[in-house]
Amino acid sequence: MAENTDSRNVLVIHGPNLNMLGTREPDIYGHQTLEEIDAALTAQADRLGLHIETFQSNHEGDMVDKIQQAHDSFHGIIINPAAYTHTSIAIRDALSLLNIPVVEVHLSNIYKRESFRRTSMISAVVTAQISGFGSHGYLLALEGLALVL
């Protein structure tokens, strides 16, 4: 899939409470842990000739800092802003500063959930959005990035 494999770096940002995957509402978010998702992403990145770095934070400012630092080091971003999807103009503004492809990922289909979850502050400034495929959405996002990087 990837033709040019020159160190194409992808940053994966996991938002608040995703460190609790596997135990937090598994009927909605699945049984995989964040560590298992990251391991699957690393294996897929190797197959696609990409290098990934993963980052998880429960703190909005830490996520903003990481996004701001990404413009010099990464060729693409996958982000699951989690609850900040619906509230964070700061994360939206940080993402809009970037000139690299960004894919927004959600484990559940946010459009089939509570009304407050149906609005994404992020979607208007990202390249693509994937929701509802569980942890496989991260792998789909990585494949999509591999096509455009």
Protein backbone atom coordinates (compact mmCIF):
# COMPACT_ATOMS: atom_id res chain seq x y z
CA MET A 1 0.00 0.00 0.00
CA ALA A 2 2.70 2.48 0.97
CA GLU A 3 5.14 3.16 -1.84
CA ASN A 4 7.55 5.57 -0.19
CA THR A 5 8.61 4.29 3.23
CA ASP A 6 10.95 7.14 4.22
CA SER A 7 10.18 7.54 7.93
CA ARG A 8 6.62 8.70 7.60
CA ASN A 9 5.76 9.50 11.21
CA VAL A 10 2.23 9.31 12.56
CA LEU A 11 1.16 10.55 15.97
CA VAL A 12 -1.75 8.78 17.65
CA ILE A 13 -3.44 10.79 20.39
CA HIS A 14 -5.86 9.11 22.78
CA GLY A 15 -8.02 11.39 24.90
CA PRO A 16 -9.51 11.18 28.38
CA ASN A 17 -10.60 7.89 29.91
CA LEU A 18 -9.24 5.84 27.02
CA ASN A 19 -6.60 4.54 29.42
CA MET A 20 -9.51 2.65 31.00
CA LEU A 21 -10.47 0.75 27.85
CA GLY A 22 -11.21 -2.91 28.43
CA THR A 23 -12.91 -2.20 31.74
CA ARG A 24 -14.86 0.99 30.99
CA GLU A 25 -18.28 0.24 29.51
CA PRO A 26 -17.09 -2.68 27.35
CA ASP A 27 -20.56 -2.96 25.78
CA ILE A 28 -19.94 0.46 24.20
CA TYR A 29 -16.15 0.67 23.89
CA GLY A 30 -15.15 -2.99 23.55
CA HIS A 31 -12.94 -5.31 25.54
CA GLN A 32 -9.56 -4.34 24.08
CA THR A 33 -7.22 -2.37 26.29
CA LEU A 34 -5.42 0.72 25.10
CA GLU A 35 -2.17 -1.24 25.20
CA GLU A 36 -3.67 -3.85 22.85
CA ILE A 37 -4.90 -1.15 20.48
CA ASP A 38 -1.45 0.47 20.46
CA ALA A 39 0.21 -2.90 19.80
CA ALA A 40 -2.11 -3.53 16.84
CA LEU A 41 -1.37 -0.03 15.52
CA THR A 42 2.38 -0.59 15.82
CA ALA A 43 2.16 -3.88 13.92
CA GLN A 44 0.00 -2.29 11.21
CA ALA A 45 2.34 0.69 10.95
CA ASP A 46 5.28 -1.67 10.40
CA ARG A 47 3.38 -3.40 7.57
CA LEU A 48 2.56 -0.03 6.00
CA GLY A 49 6.09 1.37 6.30
CA LEU A 50 5.06 3.94 8.87
CA HIS A 51 6.43 4.84 12.28
CA ILE A 52 3.95 5.68 15.02
CA GLU A 53 4.14 7.32 18.38
CA THR A 54 1.20 6.98 20.76
CA PHE A 55 0.18 9.40 23.45
CA GLN A 56 -2.69 9.32 25.95
CA SER A 57 -3.77 12.07 28.29
CA ASN A 58 -6.74 12.90 30.44
CA HIS A 59 -5.74 16.57 30.30
CA GLU A 60 -6.82 18.94 27.54
CA GLY A 61 -3.76 21.19 27.81
CA ASP A 62 -1.38 18.24 27.48
CA MET A 63 -3.19 17.19 24.31
CA VAL A 64 -2.96 20.73 22.92
CA ASP A 65 0.77 20.85 23.72
CA LYS A 66 1.33 17.52 21.94
CA ILE A 67 -0.60 18.68 18.86
CA GLN A 68 1.38 21.92 18.71
CA GLN A 69 4.65 19.99 18.88
CA ALA A 70 3.55 17.66 16.07
CA HIS A 71 3.93 20.03 13.13
CA ASP A 72 7.72 19.61 12.98
CA SER A 73 7.92 15.89 13.70
CA PHE A 74 4.91 14.13 12.20
CA HIS A 75 3.41 13.65 8.77
CA GLY A 76 -0.08 12.76 10.04
CA ILE A 77 -2.17 12.44 13.17
CA ILE A 78 -4.84 10.05 14.35
CA ILE A 79 -6.81 11.51 17.24
CA ASN A 80 -9.56 10.18 19.44
CA PRO A 81 -10.37 13.27 21.48
CA ALA A 82 -12.94 11.24 23.46
CA ALA A 83 -15.13 13.56 25.58
CA TYR A 84 -13.16 16.59 24.36
CA THR A 85 -14.64 15.96 20.90
CA HIS A 86 -17.80 17.68 22.04
CA THR A 87 -16.34 20.52 24.09
CA SER A 88 -12.80 21.51 23.17
CA ILE A 89 -12.30 24.55 21.02
CA ALA A 90 -8.67 24.52 22.24
CA ILE A 91 -8.01 21.12 20.63
CA ARG A 92 -9.87 22.22 17.48
CA ASP A 93 -7.76 25.38 17.27
CA ALA A 94 -4.52 23.44 17.77
CA LEU A 95 -5.45 20.98 15.02
CA SER A 96 -6.38 23.81 12.66
CA LEU A 97 -2.80 25.14 12.95
CA LEU A 98 -1.45 21.98 11.32
CA ASN A 99 -0.79 21.46 7.64
CA ILE A 100 -0.80 17.65 7.81
CA PRO A 101 -3.63 15.12 7.45
CA VAL A 102 -5.57 14.39 10.63
CA VAL A 103 -8.06 11.56 11.13
CA GLU A 104 -10.59 11.75 13.97
CA VAL A 105 -11.48 8.32 15.37
CA HIS A 106 -14.28 7.23 17.68
CA LEU A 107 -14.81 3.69 18.92
CA SER A 108 -18.59 4.10 19.03
CA ASN A 109 -20.85 5.79 16.50
CA ILE A 110 -21.19 9.17 18.19
CA TYR A 111 -24.18 9.99 15.96
CA LYS A 112 -26.22 7.14 17.44
CA ARG A 113 -25.57 8.11 21.05
CA GLU A 114 -26.80 10.80 23.42
CA SER A 115 -27.60 14.11 21.76
CA PHE A 116 -24.66 15.90 23.41
CA ARG A 117 -22.27 13.38 21.80
CA ARG A 118 -23.55 14.03 18.27
CA THR A 119 -21.62 17.27 17.86
CA SER A 120 -17.93 17.18 17.07
CA MET A 121 -16.00 20.40 17.59
CA ILE A 122 -13.14 18.68 15.75
CA SER A 123 -14.70 17.34 12.54
CA ALA A 124 -14.61 20.60 10.56
CA VAL A 125 -10.81 20.86 10.84
CA VAL A 126 -9.77 17.25 10.18
CA THR A 127 -9.18 15.38 6.96
CA ALA A 128 -11.52 12.50 7.81
CA GLN A 129 -13.56 10.97 10.59
CA ILE A 130 -14.11 7.29 11.39
CA SER A 131 -16.66 6.23 14.00
CA GLY A 132 -18.47 3.10 15.01
CA PHE A 133 -15.95 0.41 14.03
CA GLY A 134 -14.57 -0.08 17.54
CA SER A 135 -10.82 -0.41 17.82
CA HIS A 136 -10.63 -1.37 14.14
CA GLY A 137 -11.32 2.30 13.36
CA TYR A 138 -7.77 3.14 14.41
CA LEU A 139 -6.40 0.64 11.87
CA LEU A 140 -8.67 2.05 9.15
CA ALA A 141 -7.39 5.53 9.99
CA LEU A 142 -3.78 4.34 9.71
CA GLU A 143 -4.48 2.74 6.32
CA GLY A 144 -6.11 5.95 5.14
CA LEU A 145 -3.11 7.99 6.22
CA ALA A 146 -0.76 5.59 4.47
CA LEU A 147 -2.59 6.35 1.22
CA VAL A 148 -2.20 10.12 1.49
CA LEU A 149 1.23 10.49 3.07
